[in-house]
Amino acid sequence: MDALKQRILAEGRNLGNGILKIDSLLNHQLDPKLMLGMGQELADVFRETQPDRILTAEISGIAPAITTGIHMGLPVVYARKTKPITMPDQVYLTLAPSHT
């Protein structure tokens, strides 16, 4: 998606160690129009796999996942960083690095 690439080039900062700071468009502030475009692009890429839901990481992945869900008509599930007290005892747990 060219709009995303241009925004990352214009506003992103490489902090080293594989970390990209893009808080002006994804983390601390969101560009709704850009998120809708990202959602459409992701929906187009994954539509033929016929998913029944979208799974994303908590925080940075939620906005693009929601717009993808809108374009695909699918529910969105997000993986939490910590187990909420309302969650049953049996849960899937894994570690995943964050690069933003």
N, C-alpha and C. Protein backbone atom coordinates (compact mmCIF):
# COMPACT_ATOMS: atom_id res chain seq x y z
N MET A 1 0.83 -1.16 0.00
CA MET A 1 0.00 0.00 0.00
C MET A 1 0.89 1.24 0.00
N ASP A 2 0.82 1.99 -1.07
CA ASP A 2 1.71 3.12 -1.27
C ASP A 2 1.51 4.22 -0.23
N ALA A 3 0.25 4.48 0.15
CA ALA A 3 -0.01 5.55 1.13
C ALA A 3 0.68 5.24 2.46
N LEU A 4 0.63 3.99 2.89
CA LEU A 4 1.29 3.60 4.13
C LEU A 4 2.80 3.73 4.01
N LYS A 5 3.33 3.27 2.89
CA LYS A 5 4.78 3.36 2.67
C LYS A 5 5.24 4.81 2.73
N GLN A 6 4.51 5.70 2.07
CA GLN A 6 4.89 7.12 2.06
C GLN A 6 4.82 7.73 3.46
N ARG A 7 3.81 7.37 4.23
CA ARG A 7 3.68 7.90 5.59
C ARG A 7 4.81 7.38 6.48
N ILE A 8 5.17 6.11 6.33
CA ILE A 8 6.28 5.57 7.13
C ILE A 8 7.59 6.27 6.76
N LEU A 9 7.81 6.47 5.47
CA LEU A 9 9.03 7.16 5.04
C LEU A 9 9.06 8.60 5.55
N ALA A 10 7.91 9.27 5.57
CA ALA A 10 7.85 10.67 5.97
C ALA A 10 7.88 10.85 7.49
N GLU A 11 7.21 9.96 8.22
CA GLU A 11 7.01 10.18 9.65
C GLU A 11 7.67 9.15 10.56
N GLY A 12 8.05 8.00 10.01
CA GLY A 12 8.61 6.94 10.84
C GLY A 12 10.06 7.20 11.21
N ARG A 13 10.45 6.65 12.35
CA ARG A 13 11.84 6.75 12.79
C ARG A 13 12.35 5.37 13.15
N ASN A 14 13.51 5.03 12.62
CA ASN A 14 14.16 3.77 12.95
C ASN A 14 14.93 3.97 14.25
N LEU A 15 14.49 3.26 15.29
CA LEU A 15 15.14 3.39 16.60
C LEU A 15 16.23 2.35 16.81
N GLY A 16 16.50 1.53 15.79
CA GLY A 16 17.49 0.48 15.92
C GLY A 16 16.90 -0.78 16.52
N ASN A 17 17.64 -1.86 16.43
CA ASN A 17 17.22 -3.16 16.97
C ASN A 17 15.87 -3.62 16.44
N GLY A 18 15.56 -3.27 15.18
CA GLY A 18 14.30 -3.70 14.57
C GLY A 18 13.07 -2.97 15.05
N ILE A 19 13.25 -1.81 15.69
CA ILE A 19 12.11 -1.05 16.22
C ILE A 19 11.84 0.16 15.34
N LEU A 20 10.59 0.28 14.89
CA LEU A 20 10.15 1.38 14.04
C LEU A 20 9.16 2.23 14.83
N LYS A 21 9.46 3.51 14.98
CA LYS A 21 8.56 4.41 15.71
C LYS A 21 7.62 5.06 14.70
N ILE A 22 6.34 4.70 14.79
CA ILE A 22 5.33 5.25 13.89
C ILE A 22 4.11 5.71 14.69
N ASP A 23 4.39 6.33 15.84
CA ASP A 23 3.29 6.69 16.73
C ASP A 23 2.41 7.82 16.21
N SER A 24 2.81 8.49 15.14
CA SER A 24 1.95 9.54 14.58
C SER A 24 0.89 8.97 13.65
N LEU A 25 0.96 7.68 13.33
CA LEU A 25 -0.06 7.11 12.45
C LEU A 25 -0.60 5.77 12.90
N LEU A 26 -0.02 5.15 13.92
CA LEU A 26 -0.54 3.85 14.34
C LEU A 26 -0.62 3.67 15.85
N ASN A 27 0.35 4.09 16.58
CA ASN A 27 0.37 3.77 18.01
C ASN A 27 -0.40 4.77 18.88
N HIS A 28 0.05 6.00 18.95
CA HIS A 28 -0.56 6.98 19.86
C HIS A 28 -1.60 7.85 19.18
N GLN A 29 -1.52 7.93 17.88
CA GLN A 29 -2.47 8.71 17.09
C GLN A 29 -2.82 7.87 15.88
N LEU A 30 -4.09 7.89 15.49
CA LEU A 30 -4.53 7.11 14.34
C LEU A 30 -5.00 8.02 13.23
N ASP A 31 -4.73 7.62 12.00
CA ASP A 31 -5.26 8.30 10.83
C ASP A 31 -6.39 7.41 10.31
N PRO A 32 -7.65 7.74 10.59
CA PRO A 32 -8.76 6.87 10.21
C PRO A 32 -8.82 6.56 8.71
N LYS A 33 -8.52 7.55 7.89
CA LYS A 33 -8.56 7.33 6.44
C LYS A 33 -7.48 6.31 6.02
N LEU A 34 -6.30 6.45 6.59
CA LEU A 34 -5.22 5.50 6.31
C LEU A 34 -5.60 4.11 6.81
N MET A 35 -6.21 4.03 8.01
CA MET A 35 -6.64 2.73 8.56
C MET A 35 -7.67 2.06 7.65
N LEU A 36 -8.61 2.85 7.11
CA LEU A 36 -9.60 2.27 6.19
C LEU A 36 -8.93 1.72 4.94
N GLY A 37 -7.94 2.45 4.42
CA GLY A 37 -7.20 1.97 3.25
C GLY A 37 -6.42 0.70 3.56
N MET A 38 -5.80 0.65 4.74
CA MET A 38 -5.07 -0.55 5.15
C MET A 38 -6.02 -1.72 5.28
N GLY A 39 -7.19 -1.47 5.86
CA GLY A 39 -8.19 -2.53 6.02
C GLY A 39 -8.64 -3.09 4.68
N GLN A 40 -8.84 -2.20 3.71
CA GLN A 40 -9.26 -2.65 2.38
C GLN A 40 -8.16 -3.49 1.73
N GLU A 41 -6.93 -3.03 1.85
CA GLU A 41 -5.79 -3.76 1.27
C GLU A 41 -5.65 -5.15 1.91
N LEU A 42 -5.72 -5.21 3.23
CA LEU A 42 -5.61 -6.50 3.92
C LEU A 42 -6.78 -7.41 3.57
N ALA A 43 -7.98 -6.85 3.46
CA ALA A 43 -9.15 -7.64 3.08
C ALA A 43 -8.96 -8.23 1.69
N ASP A 44 -8.45 -7.43 0.76
CA ASP A 44 -8.22 -7.90 -0.60
C ASP A 44 -7.19 -9.04 -0.63
N VAL A 45 -6.15 -8.91 0.18
CA VAL A 45 -5.09 -9.93 0.21
C VAL A 45 -5.59 -11.24 0.80
N PHE A 46 -6.38 -11.17 1.87
CA PHE A 46 -6.76 -12.39 2.60
C PHE A 46 -8.15 -12.93 2.28
N ARG A 47 -8.93 -12.24 1.47
CA ARG A 47 -10.31 -12.65 1.21
C ARG A 47 -10.42 -14.08 0.71
N GLU A 48 -9.55 -14.48 -0.22
CA GLU A 48 -9.68 -15.82 -0.81
C GLU A 48 -9.31 -16.94 0.16
N THR A 49 -8.71 -16.62 1.29
CA THR A 49 -8.43 -17.65 2.29
C THR A 49 -9.67 -17.98 3.12
N GLN A 50 -10.72 -17.20 2.96
CA GLN A 50 -12.01 -17.39 3.61
C GLN A 50 -11.91 -17.55 5.13
N PRO A 51 -11.31 -16.57 5.80
CA PRO A 51 -11.23 -16.65 7.26
C PRO A 51 -12.61 -16.49 7.89
N ASP A 52 -12.74 -16.93 9.14
CA ASP A 52 -14.02 -16.74 9.83
C ASP A 52 -13.91 -15.68 10.94
N ARG A 53 -12.69 -15.19 11.18
CA ARG A 53 -12.48 -14.08 12.11
C ARG A 53 -11.06 -13.55 11.90
N ILE A 54 -10.80 -12.41 12.47
CA ILE A 54 -9.49 -11.79 12.37
C ILE A 54 -8.88 -11.77 13.76
N LEU A 55 -7.66 -12.27 13.88
CA LEU A 55 -6.92 -12.28 15.15
C LEU A 55 -5.77 -11.29 15.05
N THR A 56 -5.63 -10.45 16.04
CA THR A 56 -4.55 -9.47 16.05
C THR A 56 -4.00 -9.31 17.46
N ALA A 57 -2.88 -8.62 17.55
CA ALA A 57 -2.28 -8.32 18.85
C ALA A 57 -2.95 -7.09 19.44
N GLU A 58 -3.02 -7.07 20.76
CA GLU A 58 -3.58 -5.92 21.46
C GLU A 58 -2.74 -4.68 21.13
N ILE A 59 -3.33 -3.57 21.15
CA ILE A 59 -2.78 -2.24 20.96
C ILE A 59 -2.60 -1.91 19.48
N SER A 60 -1.39 -2.02 18.90
CA SER A 60 -1.15 -1.53 17.54
C SER A 60 -1.94 -2.25 16.47
N GLY A 61 -2.28 -3.49 16.67
CA GLY A 61 -2.99 -4.24 15.64
C GLY A 61 -4.49 -4.04 15.61
N ILE A 62 -5.04 -3.43 16.65
CA ILE A 62 -6.50 -3.35 16.75
C ILE A 62 -7.11 -2.49 15.64
N ALA A 63 -6.59 -1.30 15.41
CA ALA A 63 -7.20 -0.40 14.41
C ALA A 63 -7.20 -1.01 13.00
N PRO A 64 -6.06 -1.50 12.49
CA PRO A 64 -6.13 -2.11 11.15
C PRO A 64 -6.97 -3.38 11.13
N ALA A 65 -7.01 -4.11 12.23
CA ALA A 65 -7.84 -5.32 12.27
C ALA A 65 -9.32 -4.97 12.19
N ILE A 66 -9.73 -3.93 12.90
CA ILE A 66 -11.14 -3.52 12.86
C ILE A 66 -11.54 -3.08 11.46
N THR A 67 -10.70 -2.28 10.80
CA THR A 67 -11.07 -1.84 9.45
C THR A 67 -11.05 -3.01 8.47
N THR A 68 -10.16 -3.97 8.68
CA THR A 68 -10.17 -5.18 7.85
C THR A 68 -11.45 -5.96 8.10
N GLY A 69 -11.83 -6.08 9.36
CA GLY A 69 -13.07 -6.76 9.71
C GLY A 69 -14.28 -6.10 9.09
N ILE A 70 -14.30 -4.78 9.06
CA ILE A 70 -15.40 -4.05 8.42
C ILE A 70 -15.48 -4.41 6.94
N HIS A 71 -14.34 -4.38 6.25
CA HIS A 71 -14.32 -4.67 4.82
C HIS A 71 -14.66 -6.13 4.51
N MET A 72 -14.36 -7.04 5.44
CA MET A 72 -14.63 -8.46 5.21
C MET A 72 -15.90 -8.95 5.88
N GLY A 73 -16.51 -8.11 6.70
CA GLY A 73 -17.70 -8.53 7.43
C GLY A 73 -17.41 -9.61 8.46
N LEU A 74 -16.26 -9.50 9.13
CA LEU A 74 -15.83 -10.51 10.09
C LEU A 74 -15.62 -9.92 11.48
N PRO A 75 -15.79 -10.75 12.52
CA PRO A 75 -15.47 -10.28 13.87
C PRO A 75 -13.96 -10.22 14.07
N VAL A 76 -13.55 -9.41 15.02
CA VAL A 76 -12.13 -9.24 15.34
C VAL A 76 -11.88 -9.73 16.76
N VAL A 77 -10.84 -10.55 16.92
CA VAL A 77 -10.41 -11.04 18.22
C VAL A 77 -8.99 -10.51 18.43
N TYR A 78 -8.72 -9.97 19.60
CA TYR A 78 -7.35 -9.51 19.84
C TYR A 78 -6.73 -10.24 21.01
N ALA A 79 -5.45 -10.56 20.83
CA ALA A 79 -4.68 -11.25 21.86
C ALA A 79 -4.23 -10.22 22.90
N ARG A 80 -4.50 -10.51 24.15
CA ARG A 80 -4.17 -9.60 25.24
C ARG A 80 -2.71 -9.77 25.66
N LYS A 81 -2.16 -8.70 26.21
CA LYS A 81 -0.80 -8.77 26.75
C LYS A 81 -0.79 -9.46 28.11
N THR A 82 -1.87 -9.31 28.84
CA THR A 82 -1.99 -9.96 30.14
C THR A 82 -3.36 -10.61 30.24
N LYS A 83 -3.47 -11.62 31.07
CA LYS A 83 -4.74 -12.34 31.22
C LYS A 83 -5.69 -11.53 32.10
N PRO A 84 -6.87 -11.17 31.56
CA PRO A 84 -7.82 -10.44 32.39
C PRO A 84 -8.42 -11.35 33.46
N ILE A 85 -8.89 -10.76 34.54
CA ILE A 85 -9.45 -11.56 35.63
C ILE A 85 -10.75 -12.26 35.23
N THR A 86 -11.39 -11.79 34.17
CA THR A 86 -12.64 -12.41 33.71
C THR A 86 -12.42 -13.59 32.78
N MET A 87 -11.17 -13.86 32.41
CA MET A 87 -10.83 -14.93 31.47
C MET A 87 -10.77 -16.27 32.21
N PRO A 88 -11.30 -17.34 31.58
CA PRO A 88 -11.20 -18.66 32.21
C PRO A 88 -9.73 -19.09 32.36
N ASP A 89 -9.51 -20.11 33.19
CA ASP A 89 -8.14 -20.53 33.48
C ASP A 89 -7.41 -21.11 32.27
N GLN A 90 -8.10 -21.80 31.39
CA GLN A 90 -7.44 -22.41 30.23
C GLN A 90 -7.37 -21.41 29.09
N VAL A 91 -6.16 -20.92 28.83
CA VAL A 91 -5.93 -19.97 27.75
C VAL A 91 -4.67 -20.36 27.01
N TYR A 92 -4.55 -19.91 25.76
CA TYR A 92 -3.34 -20.11 24.98
C TYR A 92 -2.39 -18.97 25.32
N LEU A 93 -1.12 -19.28 25.55
CA LEU A 93 -0.14 -18.27 25.93
C LEU A 93 1.11 -18.45 25.10
N THR A 94 1.62 -17.35 24.53
CA THR A 94 2.88 -17.38 23.80
C THR A 94 3.52 -16.01 23.89
N LEU A 95 4.80 -15.93 23.62
CA LEU A 95 5.52 -14.66 23.62
C LEU A 95 5.65 -14.17 22.18
N ALA A 96 5.50 -12.87 21.99
CA ALA A 96 5.64 -12.28 20.66
C ALA A 96 6.31 -10.92 20.80
N PRO A 97 7.35 -10.66 20.00
CA PRO A 97 8.03 -9.37 20.08
C PRO A 97 7.20 -8.26 19.43
N SER A 98 7.42 -7.03 19.88
CA SER A 98 6.77 -5.87 19.27
C SER A 98 7.85 -5.04 18.60
N HIS A 99 7.59 -4.60 17.37
CA HIS A 99 8.58 -3.82 16.63
C HIS A 99 8.11 -2.40 16.38
N THR A 100 7.09 -1.98 17.09
CA THR A 100 6.63 -0.58 16.94
C THR A 100 6.58 0.09 18.29
